[in-house]
Amino acid sequence: MTMSHELADREQQMRAVLETGFTDQEWAVGMVLCPAREKCTAGMRALFKPLKNGRLPMHRWLTYACDGANKRPTTPPLQLRFTAEEPGR
C-alpha cells in the first residue's frame, strides 16, 4: 500500500517542522527523530527518547530492525517553542 502524494507531502512537511528542533507539545521535549527518515520502520515522524549513551533505542516492524536503531540522532532533542505573549498581559 502506498501513500497518496498529498499525504506524503504532508508527512514530509511535518518532519521538516520537527527537524527545526522545536515543538508545541510538552510531552515531546527531549525526544529525537530517527535518522533513517523515510526508511524508518516506525514512520517518518516517530519520536524516540534517546538512551543514556545518546543513541536511539531499537525499533522494528515485524522482524525488520530499523536502519536508524542504535545510531546517534542527526537532529537536536526537541525543545518547547516559546510563543510571544499576548499584548496587555
PDB file of N, CA and C in Angstrom:
ATOM      1  N   MET A   1       0.844  -1.173   0.000  1.00  0.00           N
ATOM      2  CA  MET A   1       0.000   0.000   0.000  1.00  0.00           C
ATOM      3  C   MET A   1       0.894   1.242   0.000  1.00  0.00           C
ATOM      4  N   THR A   2       0.632   2.154  -0.892  1.00  0.00           N
ATOM      5  CA  THR A   2       1.432   3.366  -0.987  1.00  0.00           C
ATOM      6  C   THR A   2       0.623   4.565  -0.536  1.00  0.00           C
ATOM      7  N   MET A   3       1.330   5.597  -0.107  1.00  0.00           N
ATOM      8  CA  MET A   3       0.689   6.832   0.336  1.00  0.00           C
ATOM      9  C   MET A   3       0.362   7.700  -0.857  1.00  0.00           C
ATOM     10  N   SER A   4      -0.703   8.456  -0.740  1.00  0.00           N
ATOM     11  CA  SER A   4      -1.002   9.431  -1.776  1.00  0.00           C
ATOM     12  C   SER A   4       0.055  10.530  -1.724  1.00  0.00           C
ATOM     13  N   HIS A   5       0.213  11.246  -2.814  1.00  0.00           N
ATOM     14  CA  HIS A   5       1.213  12.314  -2.874  1.00  0.00           C
ATOM     15  C   HIS A   5       0.925  13.398  -1.841  1.00  0.00           C
ATOM     16  N   GLU A   6      -0.354  13.731  -1.639  1.00  0.00           N
ATOM     17  CA  GLU A   6      -0.706  14.764  -0.662  1.00  0.00           C
ATOM     18  C   GLU A   6      -0.323  14.340   0.746  1.00  0.00           C
ATOM     19  N   LEU A   7      -0.585  13.079   1.070  1.00  0.00           N
ATOM     20  CA  LEU A   7      -0.263  12.571   2.402  1.00  0.00           C
ATOM     21  C   LEU A   7       1.251  12.499   2.594  1.00  0.00           C
ATOM     22  N   ALA A   8       1.970  12.076   1.566  1.00  0.00           N
ATOM     23  CA  ALA A   8       3.430  12.010   1.645  1.00  0.00           C
ATOM     24  C   ALA A   8       4.024  13.402   1.798  1.00  0.00           C
ATOM     25  N   ASP A   9       3.478  14.386   1.082  1.00  0.00           N
ATOM     26  CA  ASP A   9       3.964  15.767   1.208  1.00  0.00           C
ATOM     27  C   ASP A   9       3.702  16.306   2.608  1.00  0.00           C
ATOM     28  N   ARG A  10       2.533  16.026   3.141  1.00  0.00           N
ATOM     29  CA  ARG A  10       2.192  16.485   4.498  1.00  0.00           C
ATOM     30  C   ARG A  10       3.123  15.838   5.518  1.00  0.00           C
ATOM     31  N   GLU A  11       3.401  14.567   5.335  1.00  0.00           N
ATOM     32  CA  GLU A  11       4.308  13.850   6.229  1.00  0.00           C
ATOM     33  C   GLU A  11       5.704  14.497   6.201  1.00  0.00           C
ATOM     34  N   GLN A  12       6.182  14.836   5.016  1.00  0.00           N
ATOM     35  CA  GLN A  12       7.490  15.468   4.877  1.00  0.00           C
ATOM     36  C   GLN A  12       7.499  16.865   5.493  1.00  0.00           C
ATOM     37  N   GLN A  13       6.407  17.600   5.340  1.00  0.00           N
ATOM     38  CA  GLN A  13       6.319  18.933   5.932  1.00  0.00           C
ATOM     39  C   GLN A  13       6.344  18.850   7.459  1.00  0.00           C
ATOM     40  N   MET A  14       5.627  17.880   8.007  1.00  0.00           N
ATOM     41  CA  MET A  14       5.594  17.714   9.452  1.00  0.00           C
ATOM     42  C   MET A  14       6.973  17.301   9.971  1.00  0.00           C
ATOM     43  N   ARG A  15       7.673  16.463   9.228  1.00  0.00           N
ATOM     44  CA  ARG A  15       9.032  16.063   9.608  1.00  0.00           C
ATOM     45  C   ARG A  15       9.953  17.288   9.579  1.00  0.00           C
ATOM     46  N   ALA A  16       9.818  18.125   8.542  1.00  0.00           N
ATOM     47  CA  ALA A  16      10.657  19.312   8.412  1.00  0.00           C
ATOM     48  C   ALA A  16      10.453  20.253   9.597  1.00  0.00           C
ATOM     49  N   VAL A  17       9.228  20.383  10.064  1.00  0.00           N
ATOM     50  CA  VAL A  17       8.944  21.237  11.231  1.00  0.00           C
ATOM     51  C   VAL A  17       9.645  20.668  12.460  1.00  0.00           C
ATOM     52  N   LEU A  18       9.593  19.358  12.648  1.00  0.00           N
ATOM     53  CA  LEU A  18      10.243  18.738  13.798  1.00  0.00           C
ATOM     54  C   LEU A  18      11.764  18.840  13.698  1.00  0.00           C
ATOM     55  N   GLU A  19      12.291  18.820  12.483  1.00  0.00           N
ATOM     56  CA  GLU A  19      13.743  18.909  12.298  1.00  0.00           C
ATOM     57  C   GLU A  19      14.306  20.267  12.714  1.00  0.00           C
ATOM     58  N   THR A  20      13.457  21.271  12.874  1.00  0.00           N
ATOM     59  CA  THR A  20      13.931  22.572  13.342  1.00  0.00           C
ATOM     60  C   THR A  20      14.370  22.498  14.798  1.00  0.00           C
ATOM     61  N   GLY A  21      13.931  21.458  15.505  1.00  0.00           N
ATOM     62  CA  GLY A  21      14.314  21.282  16.905  1.00  0.00           C
ATOM     63  C   GLY A  21      13.318  21.833  17.895  1.00  0.00           C
ATOM     64  N   PHE A  22      12.156  22.277  17.415  1.00  0.00           N
ATOM     65  CA  PHE A  22      11.155  22.857  18.307  1.00  0.00           C
ATOM     66  C   PHE A  22       9.807  22.173  18.124  1.00  0.00           C
ATOM     67  N   THR A  23       9.033  22.151  19.204  1.00  0.00           N
ATOM     68  CA  THR A  23       7.708  21.546  19.194  1.00  0.00           C
ATOM     69  C   THR A  23       6.781  22.356  20.089  1.00  0.00           C
ATOM     70  N   ASP A  24       5.496  22.206  19.860  1.00  0.00           N
ATOM     71  CA  ASP A  24       4.482  22.827  20.708  1.00  0.00           C
ATOM     72  C   ASP A  24       3.964  21.837  21.754  1.00  0.00           C
ATOM     73  N   GLN A  25       4.400  20.592  21.665  1.00  0.00           N
ATOM     74  CA  GLN A  25       3.915  19.528  22.541  1.00  0.00           C
ATOM     75  C   GLN A  25       4.890  19.289  23.693  1.00  0.00           C
ATOM     76  N   GLU A  26       4.432  19.499  24.923  1.00  0.00           N
ATOM     77  CA  GLU A  26       5.308  19.326  26.089  1.00  0.00           C
ATOM     78  C   GLU A  26       5.820  17.899  26.225  1.00  0.00           C
ATOM     79  N   TRP A  27       4.994  16.918  25.867  1.00  0.00           N
ATOM     80  CA  TRP A  27       5.400  15.521  26.030  1.00  0.00           C
ATOM     81  C   TRP A  27       6.566  15.150  25.108  1.00  0.00           C
ATOM     82  N   ALA A  28       6.798  15.919  24.036  1.00  0.00           N
ATOM     83  CA  ALA A  28       7.833  15.592  23.062  1.00  0.00           C
ATOM     84  C   ALA A  28       9.193  16.230  23.379  1.00  0.00           C
ATOM     85  N   VAL A  29       9.265  17.053  24.419  1.00  0.00           N
ATOM     86  CA  VAL A  29      10.516  17.725  24.760  1.00  0.00           C
ATOM     87  C   VAL A  29      11.576  16.679  25.111  1.00  0.00           C
ATOM     88  N   GLY A  30      12.755  16.819  24.519  1.00  0.00           N
ATOM     89  CA  GLY A  30      13.866  15.899  24.763  1.00  0.00           C
ATOM     90  C   GLY A  30      13.908  14.713  23.829  1.00  0.00           C
ATOM     91  N   MET A  31      12.870  14.530  23.037  1.00  0.00           N
ATOM     92  CA  MET A  31      12.825  13.402  22.113  1.00  0.00           C
ATOM     93  C   MET A  31      13.481  13.781  20.789  1.00  0.00           C
ATOM     94  N   VAL A  32      13.865  12.755  20.014  1.00  0.00           N
ATOM     95  CA  VAL A  32      14.551  12.977  18.743  1.00  0.00           C
ATOM     96  C   VAL A  32      13.898  12.153  17.639  1.00  0.00           C
ATOM     97  N   LEU A  33      14.210  12.538  16.406  1.00  0.00           N
ATOM     98  CA  LEU A  33      13.728  11.816  15.229  1.00  0.00           C
ATOM     99  C   LEU A  33      14.736  10.747  14.817  1.00  0.00           C
ATOM    100  N   CYS A  34      14.260   9.727  14.152  1.00  0.00           N
ATOM    101  CA  CYS A  34      15.127   8.663  13.654  1.00  0.00           C
ATOM    102  C   CYS A  34      15.900   9.172  12.435  1.00  0.00           C
ATOM    103  N   PRO A  35      17.205   8.910  12.362  1.00  0.00           N
ATOM    104  CA  PRO A  35      17.988   9.363  11.212  1.00  0.00           C
ATOM    105  C   PRO A  35      17.683   8.597   9.930  1.00  0.00           C
ATOM    106  N   ALA A  36      16.932   7.506  10.000  1.00  0.00           N
ATOM    107  CA  ALA A  36      16.614   6.723   8.802  1.00  0.00           C
ATOM    108  C   ALA A  36      15.561   7.402   7.921  1.00  0.00           C
ATOM    109  N   ARG A  37      14.938   8.457   8.432  1.00  0.00           N
ATOM    110  CA  ARG A  37      13.943   9.250   7.700  1.00  0.00           C
ATOM    111  C   ARG A  37      12.829   8.376   7.109  1.00  0.00           C
ATOM    112  N   GLU A  38      12.685   8.365   5.766  1.00  0.00           N
ATOM    113  CA  GLU A  38      11.596   7.636   5.107  1.00  0.00           C
ATOM    114  C   GLU A  38      11.680   6.132   5.324  1.00  0.00           C
ATOM    115  N   LYS A  39      12.866   5.643   5.610  1.00  0.00           N
ATOM    116  CA  LYS A  39      13.054   4.197   5.764  1.00  0.00           C
ATOM    117  C   LYS A  39      12.798   3.712   7.182  1.00  0.00           C
ATOM    118  N   CYS A  40      12.488   4.623   8.100  1.00  0.00           N
ATOM    119  CA  CYS A  40      12.244   4.229   9.488  1.00  0.00           C
ATOM    120  C   CYS A  40      11.013   3.340   9.562  1.00  0.00           C
ATOM    121  N   THR A  41      11.157   2.224  10.232  1.00  0.00           N
ATOM    122  CA  THR A  41      10.043   1.282  10.341  1.00  0.00           C
ATOM    123  C   THR A  41       8.925   1.811  11.226  1.00  0.00           C
ATOM    124  N   ALA A  42       9.212   2.795  12.072  1.00  0.00           N
ATOM    125  CA  ALA A  42       8.186   3.375  12.946  1.00  0.00           C
ATOM    126  C   ALA A  42       7.479   4.564  12.298  1.00  0.00           C
ATOM    127  N   GLY A  43       7.985   5.024  11.171  1.00  0.00           N
ATOM    128  CA  GLY A  43       7.375   6.155  10.481  1.00  0.00           C
ATOM    129  C   GLY A  43       8.286   7.368  10.498  1.00  0.00           C
ATOM    130  N   MET A  44       8.096   8.215   9.537  1.00  0.00           N
ATOM    131  CA  MET A  44       8.962   9.369   9.361  1.00  0.00           C
ATOM    132  C   MET A  44       8.903  10.369  10.509  1.00  0.00           C
ATOM    133  N   ARG A  45       7.771  10.434  11.196  1.00  0.00           N
ATOM    134  CA  ARG A  45       7.592  11.402  12.283  1.00  0.00           C
ATOM    135  C   ARG A  45       7.701  10.764  13.656  1.00  0.00           C
ATOM    136  N   ALA A  46       8.116   9.512  13.729  1.00  0.00           N
ATOM    137  CA  ALA A  46       8.201   8.834  15.023  1.00  0.00           C
ATOM    138  C   ALA A  46       9.269   9.494  15.888  1.00  0.00           C
ATOM    139  N   LEU A  47       8.952   9.704  17.146  1.00  0.00           N
ATOM    140  CA  LEU A  47       9.869  10.319  18.094  1.00  0.00           C
ATOM    141  C   LEU A  47      10.348   9.276  19.088  1.00  0.00           C
ATOM    142  N   PHE A  48      11.605   9.415  19.502  1.00  0.00           N
ATOM    143  CA  PHE A  48      12.201   8.461  20.429  1.00  0.00           C
ATOM    144  C   PHE A  48      12.938   9.197  21.530  1.00  0.00           C
ATOM    145  N   LYS A  49      12.908   8.619  22.716  1.00  0.00           N
ATOM    146  CA  LYS A  49      13.703   9.151  23.816  1.00  0.00           C
ATOM    147  C   LYS A  49      15.078   8.502  23.693  1.00  0.00           C
ATOM    148  N   PRO A  50      16.131   9.309  23.549  1.00  0.00           N
ATOM    149  CA  PRO A  50      17.463   8.722  23.416  1.00  0.00           C
ATOM    150  C   PRO A  50      17.853   7.921  24.661  1.00  0.00           C
ATOM    151  N   LEU A  51      18.654   6.888  24.446  1.00  0.00           N
ATOM    152  CA  LEU A  51      19.174   6.101  25.552  1.00  0.00           C
ATOM    153  C   LEU A  51      20.250   6.915  26.287  1.00  0.00           C
ATOM    154  N   LYS A  52      20.730   6.429  27.411  1.00  0.00           N
ATOM    155  CA  LYS A  52      21.739   7.155  28.188  1.00  0.00           C
ATOM    156  C   LYS A  52      23.021   7.392  27.388  1.00  0.00           C
ATOM    157  N   ASN A  53      23.327   6.507  26.429  1.00  0.00           N
ATOM    158  CA  ASN A  53      24.533   6.668  25.624  1.00  0.00           C
ATOM    159  C   ASN A  53      24.307   7.598  24.430  1.00  0.00           C
ATOM    160  N   GLY A  54      23.111   8.188  24.325  1.00  0.00           N
ATOM    161  CA  GLY A  54      22.799   9.141  23.266  1.00  0.00           C
ATOM    162  C   GLY A  54      22.283   8.517  21.987  1.00  0.00           C
ATOM    163  N   ARG A  55      22.243   7.214  21.927  1.00  0.00           N
ATOM    164  CA  ARG A  55      21.774   6.525  20.718  1.00  0.00           C
ATOM    165  C   ARG A  55      20.280   6.248  20.804  1.00  0.00           C
ATOM    166  N   LEU A  56      19.695   5.908  19.658  1.00  0.00           N
ATOM    167  CA  LEU A  56      18.267   5.599  19.612  1.00  0.00           C
ATOM    168  C   LEU A  56      18.008   4.176  20.087  1.00  0.00           C
ATOM    169  N   PRO A  57      16.860   3.950  20.702  1.00  0.00           N
ATOM    170  CA  PRO A  57      16.515   2.588  21.102  1.00  0.00           C
ATOM    171  C   PRO A  57      16.203   1.731  19.870  1.00  0.00           C
ATOM    172  N   MET A  58      16.240   0.432  20.064  1.00  0.00           N
ATOM    173  CA  MET A  58      15.892  -0.490  18.984  1.00  0.00           C
ATOM    174  C   MET A  58      14.423  -0.297  18.656  1.00  0.00           C
ATOM    175  N   HIS A  59      14.110  -0.207  17.399  1.00  0.00           N
ATOM    176  CA  HIS A  59      12.723  -0.186  16.960  1.00  0.00           C
ATOM    177  C   HIS A  59      12.647  -0.961  15.663  1.00  0.00           C
ATOM    178  N   ARG A  60      11.576  -1.703  15.528  1.00  0.00           N
ATOM    179  CA  ARG A  60      11.428  -2.585  14.373  1.00  0.00           C
ATOM    180  C   ARG A  60       9.970  -2.721  14.001  1.00  0.00           C
ATOM    181  N   TRP A  61       9.742  -3.212  12.812  1.00  0.00           N
ATOM    182  CA  TRP A  61       8.408  -3.538  12.337  1.00  0.00           C
ATOM    183  C   TRP A  61       8.446  -4.996  11.957  1.00  0.00           C
ATOM    184  N   LEU A  62       7.589  -5.786  12.574  1.00  0.00           N
ATOM    185  CA  LEU A  62       7.611  -7.242  12.450  1.00  0.00           C
ATOM    186  C   LEU A  62       9.007  -7.729  12.826  1.00  0.00           C
ATOM    187  N   THR A  63       9.758  -8.264  11.912  1.00  0.00           N
ATOM    188  CA  THR A  63      11.099  -8.741  12.247  1.00  0.00           C
ATOM    189  C   THR A  63      12.202  -7.855  11.683  1.00  0.00           C
ATOM    190  N   TYR A  64      11.819  -6.769  11.010  1.00  0.00           N
ATOM    191  CA  TYR A  64      12.808  -5.917  10.360  1.00  0.00           C
ATOM    192  C   TYR A  64      13.229  -4.774  11.275  1.00  0.00           C
ATOM    193  N   ALA A  65      14.495  -4.802  11.688  1.00  0.00           N
ATOM    194  CA  ALA A  65      15.015  -3.715  12.519  1.00  0.00           C
ATOM    195  C   ALA A  65      15.241  -2.488  11.656  1.00  0.00           C
ATOM    196  N   CYS A  66      15.005  -1.328  12.225  1.00  0.00           N
ATOM    197  CA  CYS A  66      15.195  -0.071  11.516  1.00  0.00           C
ATOM    198  C   CYS A  66      16.686   0.218  11.350  1.00  0.00           C
ATOM    199  N   ASP A  67      17.047   0.799  10.228  1.00  0.00           N
ATOM    200  CA  ASP A  67      18.440   1.178   9.977  1.00  0.00           C
ATOM    201  C   ASP A  67      18.918   2.246  10.959  1.00  0.00           C
ATOM    202  N   GLY A  68      18.014   3.010  11.530  1.00  0.00           N
ATOM    203  CA  GLY A  68      18.383   4.072  12.459  1.00  0.00           C
ATOM    204  C   GLY A  68      18.504   3.615  13.903  1.00  0.00           C
ATOM    205  N   ALA A  69      18.104   2.392  14.201  1.00  0.00           N
ATOM    206  CA  ALA A  69      18.182   1.886  15.570  1.00  0.00           C
ATOM    207  C   ALA A  69      19.631   1.777  16.015  1.00  0.00           C
ATOM    208  N   ASN A  70      19.883   2.111  17.261  1.00  0.00           N
ATOM    209  CA  ASN A  70      21.213   2.075  17.872  1.00  0.00           C
ATOM    210  C   ASN A  70      22.200   3.066  17.250  1.00  0.00           C
ATOM    211  N   LYS A  71      21.710   4.045  16.525  1.00  0.00           N
ATOM    212  CA  LYS A  71      22.569   5.078  15.938  1.00  0.00           C
ATOM    213  C   LYS A  71      22.298   6.397  16.647  1.00  0.00           C
ATOM    214  N   ARG A  72      23.208   7.322  16.490  1.00  0.00           N
ATOM    215  CA  ARG A  72      23.029   8.651  17.068  1.00  0.00           C
ATOM    216  C   ARG A  72      22.067   9.454  16.191  1.00  0.00           C
ATOM    217  N   PRO A  73      21.186  10.229  16.806  1.00  0.00           N
ATOM    218  CA  PRO A  73      20.253  11.044  16.015  1.00  0.00           C
ATOM    219  C   PRO A  73      20.988  12.156  15.276  1.00  0.00           C
ATOM    220  N   THR A  74      20.428  12.567  14.172  1.00  0.00           N
ATOM    221  CA  THR A  74      21.012  13.654  13.382  1.00  0.00           C
ATOM    222  C   THR A  74      20.315  14.982  13.648  1.00  0.00           C
ATOM    223  N   THR A  75      19.264  14.950  14.439  1.00  0.00           N
ATOM    224  CA  THR A  75      18.531  16.168  14.791  1.00  0.00           C
ATOM    225  C   THR A  75      18.705  16.434  16.281  1.00  0.00           C
ATOM    226  N   PRO A  76      18.626  17.701  16.692  1.00  0.00           N
ATOM    227  CA  PRO A  76      18.761  18.010  18.122  1.00  0.00           C
ATOM    228  C   PRO A  76      17.523  17.546  18.890  1.00  0.00           C
ATOM    229  N   PRO A  77      17.667  17.304  20.191  1.00  0.00           N
ATOM    230  CA  PRO A  77      16.484  16.986  21.003  1.00  0.00           C
ATOM    231  C   PRO A  77      15.488  18.138  20.919  1.00  0.00           C
ATOM    232  N   LEU A  78      14.227  17.810  20.850  1.00  0.00           N
ATOM    233  CA  LEU A  78      13.187  18.829  20.722  1.00  0.00           C
ATOM    234  C   LEU A  78      13.100  19.694  21.972  1.00  0.00           C
ATOM    235  N   GLN A  79      12.885  20.978  21.740  1.00  0.00           N
ATOM    236  CA  GLN A  79      12.674  21.952  22.803  1.00  0.00           C
ATOM    237  C   GLN A  79      11.293  22.557  22.610  1.00  0.00           C
ATOM    238  N   LEU A  80      10.754  23.052  23.697  1.00  0.00           N
ATOM    239  CA  LEU A  80       9.442  23.689  23.629  1.00  0.00           C
ATOM    240  C   LEU A  80       9.575  25.037  22.933  1.00  0.00           C
ATOM    241  N   ARG A  81       8.712  25.256  21.966  1.00  0.00           N
ATOM    242  CA  ARG A  81       8.705  26.519  21.225  1.00  0.00           C
ATOM    243  C   ARG A  81       8.073  27.588  22.108  1.00  0.00           C
ATOM    244  N   PHE A  82       8.756  28.703  22.248  1.00  0.00           N
ATOM    245  CA  PHE A  82       8.211  29.805  23.033  1.00  0.00           C
ATOM    246  C   PHE A  82       7.337  30.646  22.128  1.00  0.00           C
ATOM    247  N   THR A  83       6.151  30.948  22.595  1.00  0.00           N
ATOM    248  CA  THR A  83       5.243  31.797  21.832  1.00  0.00           C
ATOM    249  C   THR A  83       5.237  33.181  22.452  1.00  0.00           C
ATOM    250  N   ALA A  84       5.091  34.164  21.612  1.00  0.00           N
ATOM    251  CA  ALA A  84       5.048  35.547  22.108  1.00  0.00           C
ATOM    252  C   ALA A  84       3.800  35.728  22.957  1.00  0.00           C
ATOM    253  N   GLU A  85       3.963  36.394  24.069  1.00  0.00           N
ATOM    254  CA  GLU A  85       2.808  36.650  24.939  1.00  0.00           C
ATOM    255  C   GLU A  85       1.893  37.672  24.279  1.00  0.00           C
ATOM    256  N   GLU A  86       0.635  37.530  24.593  1.00  0.00           N
ATOM    257  CA  GLU A  86      -0.353  38.464  24.021  1.00  0.00           C
ATOM    258  C   GLU A  86      -0.130  39.851  24.610  1.00  0.00           C
ATOM    259  N   PRO A  87      -0.345  40.898  23.800  1.00  0.00           N
ATOM    260  CA  PRO A  87      -0.218  42.252  24.339  1.00  0.00           C
ATOM    261  C   PRO A  87      -1.253  42.489  25.435  1.00  0.00           C
ATOM    262  N   GLY A  88      -0.858  43.222  26.443  1.00  0.00           N
ATOM    263  CA  GLY A  88      -1.768  43.517  27.530  1.00  0.00           C
ATOM    264  C   GLY A  88      -1.694  42.517  28.661  1.00  0.00           C
ATOM    265  N   ARG A  89      -0.828  41.544  28.563  1.00  0.00           N
ATOM    266  CA  ARG A  89      -0.659  40.554  29.640  1.00  0.00           C
ATOM    267  C   ARG A  89       0.441  40.945  30.541  1.00  0.00           C
TER     268      ARG A  89
END
